[in-house]
Amino acid sequence: MTLDVKIEAVLFWKAEPVALARLGKIFGENEAAIKKALLTLEEKLRDRGLALIFKDDEVSLRTAPAVSGLIETLTKEELARDLGKAGLETLSIILYQGPLSRREIDYVRGVNSTFILRHLLVRGLAERIENPKDKRLFLYRPTFDLLSFLGISRLEDLPEYGSVRREIETSFAQARKEGEHPGEQEHKAPPELA
């Protein structure tokens, strides 16, 4: 049995995101072998009902973007409830600049986002993770379910991803320059966007 088939089985069984490093440990393979097998699996899944979704250093097996319309219809009742302008605004900030802290989200929005973040967490559109720089604080990032629902495989597939990230980073940089300190962590555009 090939490595890509074994990875597919593990991702299906786990039914949640798995770090590439964890896959390497499971199969006793280096990162290059895991990435190569994932590319093979991604190709095999082309034009199928399932697809690989990548985010940061994790991968998940989810429904394919091509069937997102069908999945949207099936989950419409749950997701059709109005998020409202504040919810959409907060979700957009998380999608384009996450992971980031509540304080950073509040800075971009100009208002307290605690209630909105709780709403997005309950609906499974955002997830809270530990801040590696300060264990007392949390960061918010989009979920794999959200990426799947949007019909994208990577955050970079979002419209105008690079320019929006740069615009938010410019705002953060200006605030730091003026001494406003919008957040606990300093954001920098990824190398490919710099």
C-alpha atoms as a PDB file:
ATOM      1  CA  MET A   1       0.000   0.000   0.000  1.00  0.00           C
ATOM      2  CA  THR A   2       1.429   3.391  -0.987  1.00  0.00           C
ATOM      3  CA  LEU A   3       2.071   6.236   1.451  1.00  0.00           C
ATOM      4  CA  ASP A   4      -0.588   8.475  -0.112  1.00  0.00           C
ATOM      5  CA  VAL A   5      -3.243   5.773   0.390  1.00  0.00           C
ATOM      6  CA  LYS A   6      -2.189   5.322   4.024  1.00  0.00           C
ATOM      7  CA  ILE A   7      -2.341   9.089   4.584  1.00  0.00           C
ATOM      8  CA  GLU A   8      -5.829   9.183   3.043  1.00  0.00           C
ATOM      9  CA  ALA A   9      -6.981   6.458   5.457  1.00  0.00           C
ATOM     10  CA  VAL A  10      -5.553   8.303   8.478  1.00  0.00           C
ATOM     11  CA  LEU A  11      -7.094  11.644   7.456  1.00  0.00           C
ATOM     12  CA  PHE A  12     -10.466   9.964   6.895  1.00  0.00           C
ATOM     13  CA  TRP A  13     -10.287   8.159  10.233  1.00  0.00           C
ATOM     14  CA  LYS A  14      -9.168  11.252  12.170  1.00  0.00           C
ATOM     15  CA  ALA A  15     -11.830  13.481  10.551  1.00  0.00           C
ATOM     16  CA  GLU A  16      -9.887  16.518  11.758  1.00  0.00           C
ATOM     17  CA  PRO A  17      -6.792  18.482  10.729  1.00  0.00           C
ATOM     18  CA  VAL A  18      -3.488  16.651  11.149  1.00  0.00           C
ATOM     19  CA  ALA A  19      -0.082  18.348  11.294  1.00  0.00           C
ATOM     20  CA  LEU A  20       2.400  17.306   8.627  1.00  0.00           C
ATOM     21  CA  ALA A  21       4.924  16.594  11.393  1.00  0.00           C
ATOM     22  CA  ARG A  22       2.420  14.228  13.022  1.00  0.00           C
ATOM     23  CA  LEU A  23       1.949  12.371   9.725  1.00  0.00           C
ATOM     24  CA  GLY A  24       5.726  12.059   9.498  1.00  0.00           C
ATOM     25  CA  LYS A  25       5.846  10.473  12.963  1.00  0.00           C
ATOM     26  CA  ILE A  26       2.955   8.117  12.220  1.00  0.00           C
ATOM     27  CA  PHE A  27       4.602   6.776   9.081  1.00  0.00           C
ATOM     28  CA  GLY A  28       8.268   7.223  10.023  1.00  0.00           C
ATOM     29  CA  GLU A  29       8.820   9.458   7.000  1.00  0.00           C
ATOM     30  CA  ASN A  30      10.498  12.821   6.545  1.00  0.00           C
ATOM     31  CA  GLU A  31       8.581  15.979   5.640  1.00  0.00           C
ATOM     32  CA  ALA A  32       9.573  15.804   1.969  1.00  0.00           C
ATOM     33  CA  ALA A  33       8.120  12.293   1.623  1.00  0.00           C
ATOM     34  CA  ILE A  34       4.898  13.368   3.351  1.00  0.00           C
ATOM     35  CA  LYS A  35       4.544  16.420   1.081  1.00  0.00           C
ATOM     36  CA  LYS A  36       5.196  14.305  -2.023  1.00  0.00           C
ATOM     37  CA  ALA A  37       2.569  11.754  -0.943  1.00  0.00           C
ATOM     38  CA  LEU A  38       0.087  14.574  -0.247  1.00  0.00           C
ATOM     39  CA  LEU A  39       0.641  15.963  -3.751  1.00  0.00           C
ATOM     40  CA  THR A  40      -0.010  12.484  -5.174  1.00  0.00           C
ATOM     41  CA  LEU A  41      -3.159  12.139  -3.072  1.00  0.00           C
ATOM     42  CA  GLU A  42      -4.298  15.629  -4.051  1.00  0.00           C
ATOM     43  CA  GLU A  43      -3.964  14.652  -7.714  1.00  0.00           C
ATOM     44  CA  LYS A  44      -5.837  11.351  -7.195  1.00  0.00           C
ATOM     45  CA  LEU A  45      -8.688  13.213  -5.521  1.00  0.00           C
ATOM     46  CA  ARG A  46      -9.070  15.652  -8.412  1.00  0.00           C
ATOM     47  CA  ASP A  47     -12.644  15.524  -9.796  1.00  0.00           C
ATOM     48  CA  ARG A  48     -13.820  13.526  -6.779  1.00  0.00           C
ATOM     49  CA  GLY A  49     -16.141  14.383  -3.904  1.00  0.00           C
ATOM     50  CA  LEU A  50     -13.249  14.770  -1.456  1.00  0.00           C
ATOM     51  CA  ALA A  51     -10.241  17.076  -1.446  1.00  0.00           C
ATOM     52  CA  LEU A  52      -7.273  17.954   0.700  1.00  0.00           C
ATOM     53  CA  ILE A  53      -7.523  21.286   2.492  1.00  0.00           C
ATOM     54  CA  PHE A  54      -4.246  22.863   3.629  1.00  0.00           C
ATOM     55  CA  LYS A  55      -3.845  25.479   6.354  1.00  0.00           C
ATOM     56  CA  ASP A  56      -0.555  26.431   7.975  1.00  0.00           C
ATOM     57  CA  ASP A  57       1.268  23.132   8.613  1.00  0.00           C
ATOM     58  CA  GLU A  58      -1.911  21.045   8.784  1.00  0.00           C
ATOM     59  CA  VAL A  59      -3.958  19.108   6.259  1.00  0.00           C
ATOM     60  CA  SER A  60      -7.491  17.778   6.366  1.00  0.00           C
ATOM     61  CA  LEU A  61      -9.634  15.569   4.140  1.00  0.00           C
ATOM     62  CA  ARG A  62     -12.885  17.397   3.403  1.00  0.00           C
ATOM     63  CA  THR A  63     -15.546  17.688   0.759  1.00  0.00           C
ATOM     64  CA  ALA A  64     -14.264  18.985  -2.568  1.00  0.00           C
ATOM     65  CA  PRO A  65     -14.778  22.635  -3.506  1.00  0.00           C
ATOM     66  CA  ALA A  66     -16.688  21.456  -6.606  1.00  0.00           C
ATOM     67  CA  VAL A  67     -19.489  20.127  -4.384  1.00  0.00           C
ATOM     68  CA  SER A  68     -19.530  23.148  -2.096  1.00  0.00           C
ATOM     69  CA  GLY A  69     -22.916  24.158  -3.547  1.00  0.00           C
ATOM     70  CA  LEU A  70     -24.445  20.846  -2.510  1.00  0.00           C
ATOM     71  CA  ILE A  71     -22.845  21.016   0.933  1.00  0.00           C
ATOM     72  CA  GLU A  72     -23.993  24.614   1.271  1.00  0.00           C
ATOM     73  CA  THR A  73     -27.564  23.558   0.576  1.00  0.00           C
ATOM     74  CA  LEU A  74     -27.350  20.748   3.131  1.00  0.00           C
ATOM     75  CA  THR A  75     -25.959  23.021   5.831  1.00  0.00           C
ATOM     76  CA  LYS A  76     -27.948  26.099   4.883  1.00  0.00           C
ATOM     77  CA  GLU A  77     -30.200  26.046   7.922  1.00  0.00           C
ATOM     78  CA  GLU A  78     -27.225  26.187  10.295  1.00  0.00           C
ATOM     79  CA  LEU A  79     -25.194  28.721   8.384  1.00  0.00           C
ATOM     80  CA  ALA A  80     -28.031  30.777   6.926  1.00  0.00           C
ATOM     81  CA  ARG A  81     -28.780  32.477  10.195  1.00  0.00           C
ATOM     82  CA  ASP A  82     -27.702  36.037   9.744  1.00  0.00           C
ATOM     83  CA  LEU A  83     -24.138  36.674  10.882  1.00  0.00           C
ATOM     84  CA  GLY A  84     -24.748  40.373  10.603  1.00  0.00           C
ATOM     85  CA  LYS A  85     -22.323  43.034   9.493  1.00  0.00           C
ATOM     86  CA  ALA A  86     -20.190  42.698  12.632  1.00  0.00           C
ATOM     87  CA  GLY A  87     -19.902  38.926  12.232  1.00  0.00           C
ATOM     88  CA  LEU A  88     -18.925  39.151   8.572  1.00  0.00           C
ATOM     89  CA  GLU A  89     -16.456  41.923   9.301  1.00  0.00           C
ATOM     90  CA  THR A  90     -14.817  39.924  12.112  1.00  0.00           C
ATOM     91  CA  LEU A  91     -14.755  36.758  10.025  1.00  0.00           C
ATOM     92  CA  SER A  92     -13.083  38.644   7.162  1.00  0.00           C
ATOM     93  CA  ILE A  93     -10.393  39.970   9.499  1.00  0.00           C
ATOM     94  CA  ILE A  94      -9.712  36.451  10.788  1.00  0.00           C
ATOM     95  CA  LEU A  95      -9.613  35.004   7.261  1.00  0.00           C
ATOM     96  CA  TYR A  96      -7.260  37.611   5.860  1.00  0.00           C
ATOM     97  CA  GLN A  97      -5.000  38.294   8.849  1.00  0.00           C
ATOM     98  CA  GLY A  98      -5.379  35.394  11.297  1.00  0.00           C
ATOM     99  CA  PRO A  99      -4.302  33.993  13.509  1.00  0.00           C
ATOM    100  CA  LEU A 100      -4.620  37.109  15.604  1.00  0.00           C
ATOM    101  CA  SER A 101      -5.698  38.113  19.097  1.00  0.00           C
ATOM    102  CA  ARG A 102      -9.026  39.577  20.162  1.00  0.00           C
ATOM    103  CA  ARG A 103      -7.219  42.819  20.915  1.00  0.00           C
ATOM    104  CA  GLU A 104      -5.933  42.987  17.329  1.00  0.00           C
ATOM    105  CA  ILE A 105      -9.402  42.238  15.970  1.00  0.00           C
ATOM    106  CA  ASP A 106     -10.828  44.948  18.240  1.00  0.00           C
ATOM    107  CA  TYR A 107      -8.212  47.384  16.923  1.00  0.00           C
ATOM    108  CA  VAL A 108      -9.110  46.732  13.274  1.00  0.00           C
ATOM    109  CA  ARG A 109     -12.870  46.916  13.946  1.00  0.00           C
ATOM    110  CA  GLY A 110     -12.668  49.780  16.429  1.00  0.00           C
ATOM    111  CA  VAL A 111     -15.030  48.043  18.882  1.00  0.00           C
ATOM    112  CA  ASN A 112     -15.065  45.136  21.336  1.00  0.00           C
ATOM    113  CA  SER A 113     -15.431  41.815  19.493  1.00  0.00           C
ATOM    114  CA  THR A 114     -15.902  39.407  22.411  1.00  0.00           C
ATOM    115  CA  PHE A 115     -19.557  38.586  21.680  1.00  0.00           C
ATOM    116  CA  ILE A 116     -18.997  38.258  17.916  1.00  0.00           C
ATOM    117  CA  LEU A 117     -15.996  35.957  18.421  1.00  0.00           C
ATOM    118  CA  ARG A 118     -18.022  33.717  20.730  1.00  0.00           C
ATOM    119  CA  HIS A 119     -20.754  33.566  18.052  1.00  0.00           C
ATOM    120  CA  LEU A 120     -18.225  32.579  15.355  1.00  0.00           C
ATOM    121  CA  LEU A 121     -16.697  29.924  17.641  1.00  0.00           C
ATOM    122  CA  VAL A 122     -20.100  28.377  18.377  1.00  0.00           C
ATOM    123  CA  ARG A 123     -20.922  28.220  14.665  1.00  0.00           C
ATOM    124  CA  GLY A 124     -17.585  26.553  13.902  1.00  0.00           C
ATOM    125  CA  LEU A 125     -16.383  29.352  11.635  1.00  0.00           C
ATOM    126  CA  ALA A 126     -13.429  30.358  13.802  1.00  0.00           C
ATOM    127  CA  GLU A 127     -11.289  28.486  16.287  1.00  0.00           C
ATOM    128  CA  ARG A 128      -9.317  29.651  19.297  1.00  0.00           C
ATOM    129  CA  ILE A 129      -5.725  28.503  19.709  1.00  0.00           C
ATOM    130  CA  GLU A 130      -3.029  29.210  22.281  1.00  0.00           C
ATOM    131  CA  ASN A 131      -0.757  32.139  21.593  1.00  0.00           C
ATOM    132  CA  PRO A 132       2.758  30.655  21.465  1.00  0.00           C
ATOM    133  CA  LYS A 133       4.178  33.993  22.662  1.00  0.00           C
ATOM    134  CA  ASP A 134       1.861  34.325  25.659  1.00  0.00           C
ATOM    135  CA  LYS A 135       0.003  31.302  27.052  1.00  0.00           C
ATOM    136  CA  ARG A 136      -2.473  33.595  28.832  1.00  0.00           C
ATOM    137  CA  LEU A 137      -3.878  34.853  25.529  1.00  0.00           C
ATOM    138  CA  PHE A 138      -5.608  33.191  22.615  1.00  0.00           C
ATOM    139  CA  LEU A 139      -5.414  33.694  18.879  1.00  0.00           C
ATOM    140  CA  TYR A 140      -8.294  33.238  16.454  1.00  0.00           C
ATOM    141  CA  ARG A 141      -8.065  31.607  13.051  1.00  0.00           C
ATOM    142  CA  PRO A 142     -10.498  30.261  10.432  1.00  0.00           C
ATOM    143  CA  THR A 143     -11.592  26.621  10.669  1.00  0.00           C
ATOM    144  CA  PHE A 144     -11.188  23.929   8.050  1.00  0.00           C
ATOM    145  CA  ASP A 145     -14.999  23.796   7.881  1.00  0.00           C
ATOM    146  CA  LEU A 146     -15.072  27.470   6.889  1.00  0.00           C
ATOM    147  CA  LEU A 147     -12.486  26.955   4.137  1.00  0.00           C
ATOM    148  CA  SER A 148     -14.454  23.963   2.872  1.00  0.00           C
ATOM    149  CA  PHE A 149     -17.721  25.929   2.996  1.00  0.00           C
ATOM    150  CA  LEU A 150     -16.124  28.777   1.030  1.00  0.00           C
ATOM    151  CA  GLY A 151     -14.958  26.272  -1.563  1.00  0.00           C
ATOM    152  CA  ILE A 152     -11.249  27.068  -1.213  1.00  0.00           C
ATOM    153  CA  SER A 153      -8.285  24.813  -0.506  1.00  0.00           C
ATOM    154  CA  ARG A 154      -5.961  27.465   0.910  1.00  0.00           C
ATOM    155  CA  LEU A 155      -6.384  30.918   2.433  1.00  0.00           C
ATOM    156  CA  GLU A 156      -4.299  32.271  -0.443  1.00  0.00           C
ATOM    157  CA  ASP A 157      -7.231  31.382  -2.752  1.00  0.00           C
ATOM    158  CA  LEU A 158      -9.331  34.162  -1.193  1.00  0.00           C
ATOM    159  CA  PRO A 159      -9.961  37.168  -3.470  1.00  0.00           C
ATOM    160  CA  GLU A 160      -7.193  39.789  -3.235  1.00  0.00           C
ATOM    161  CA  TYR A 161      -5.578  37.884  -0.357  1.00  0.00           C
ATOM    162  CA  GLY A 162      -2.126  39.458  -0.702  1.00  0.00           C
ATOM    163  CA  SER A 163      -3.267  43.055  -1.031  1.00  0.00           C
ATOM    164  CA  VAL A 164      -5.724  42.823   1.874  1.00  0.00           C
ATOM    165  CA  ARG A 165      -3.082  41.262   4.156  1.00  0.00           C
ATOM    166  CA  ARG A 166      -0.631  44.016   3.242  1.00  0.00           C
ATOM    167  CA  GLU A 167      -3.250  46.705   3.914  1.00  0.00           C
ATOM    168  CA  ILE A 168      -3.994  45.346   7.399  1.00  0.00           C
ATOM    169  CA  GLU A 169      -0.283  44.969   8.151  1.00  0.00           C
ATOM    170  CA  THR A 170       0.291  48.569   7.089  1.00  0.00           C
ATOM    171  CA  SER A 171      -2.419  49.633   9.529  1.00  0.00           C
ATOM    172  CA  PHE A 172      -0.779  47.628  12.333  1.00  0.00           C
ATOM    173  CA  ALA A 173       2.659  49.052  11.499  1.00  0.00           C
ATOM    174  CA  GLN A 174       1.317  52.614  11.542  1.00  0.00           C
ATOM    175  CA  ALA A 175      -0.353  52.016  14.915  1.00  0.00           C
ATOM    176  CA  ARG A 176       2.877  50.590  16.384  1.00  0.00           C
ATOM    177  CA  LYS A 177       4.752  53.598  15.022  1.00  0.00           C
ATOM    178  CA  GLU A 178       2.267  55.908  16.727  1.00  0.00           C
ATOM    179  CA  GLY A 179       2.550  53.910  19.952  1.00  0.00           C
ATOM    180  CA  GLU A 180      -0.978  52.465  19.862  1.00  0.00           C
ATOM    181  CA  HIS A 181       0.197  48.789  20.031  1.00  0.00           C
ATOM    182  CA  PRO A 182      -2.773  47.090  18.322  1.00  0.00           C
ATOM    183  CA  GLY A 183      -1.849  43.622  19.522  1.00  0.00           C
ATOM    184  CA  GLU A 184       0.377  41.369  21.543  1.00  0.00           C
ATOM    185  CA  GLN A 185       2.070  39.875  18.498  1.00  0.00           C
ATOM    186  CA  GLU A 186       3.705  41.572  15.571  1.00  0.00           C
ATOM    187  CA  HIS A 187       2.288  40.534  12.212  1.00  0.00           C
ATOM    188  CA  LYS A 188       4.392  40.431   9.142  1.00  0.00           C
ATOM    189  CA  ALA A 189       3.293  39.619   5.639  1.00  0.00           C
ATOM    190  CA  PRO A 190       4.393  36.114   4.603  1.00  0.00           C
ATOM    191  CA  PRO A 191       7.605  36.119   2.518  1.00  0.00           C
ATOM    192  CA  GLU A 192       5.669  35.410  -0.666  1.00  0.00           C
ATOM    193  CA  LEU A 193       3.598  38.550  -0.090  1.00  0.00           C
ATOM    194  CA  ALA A 194       6.376  40.860   1.067  1.00  0.00           C
END
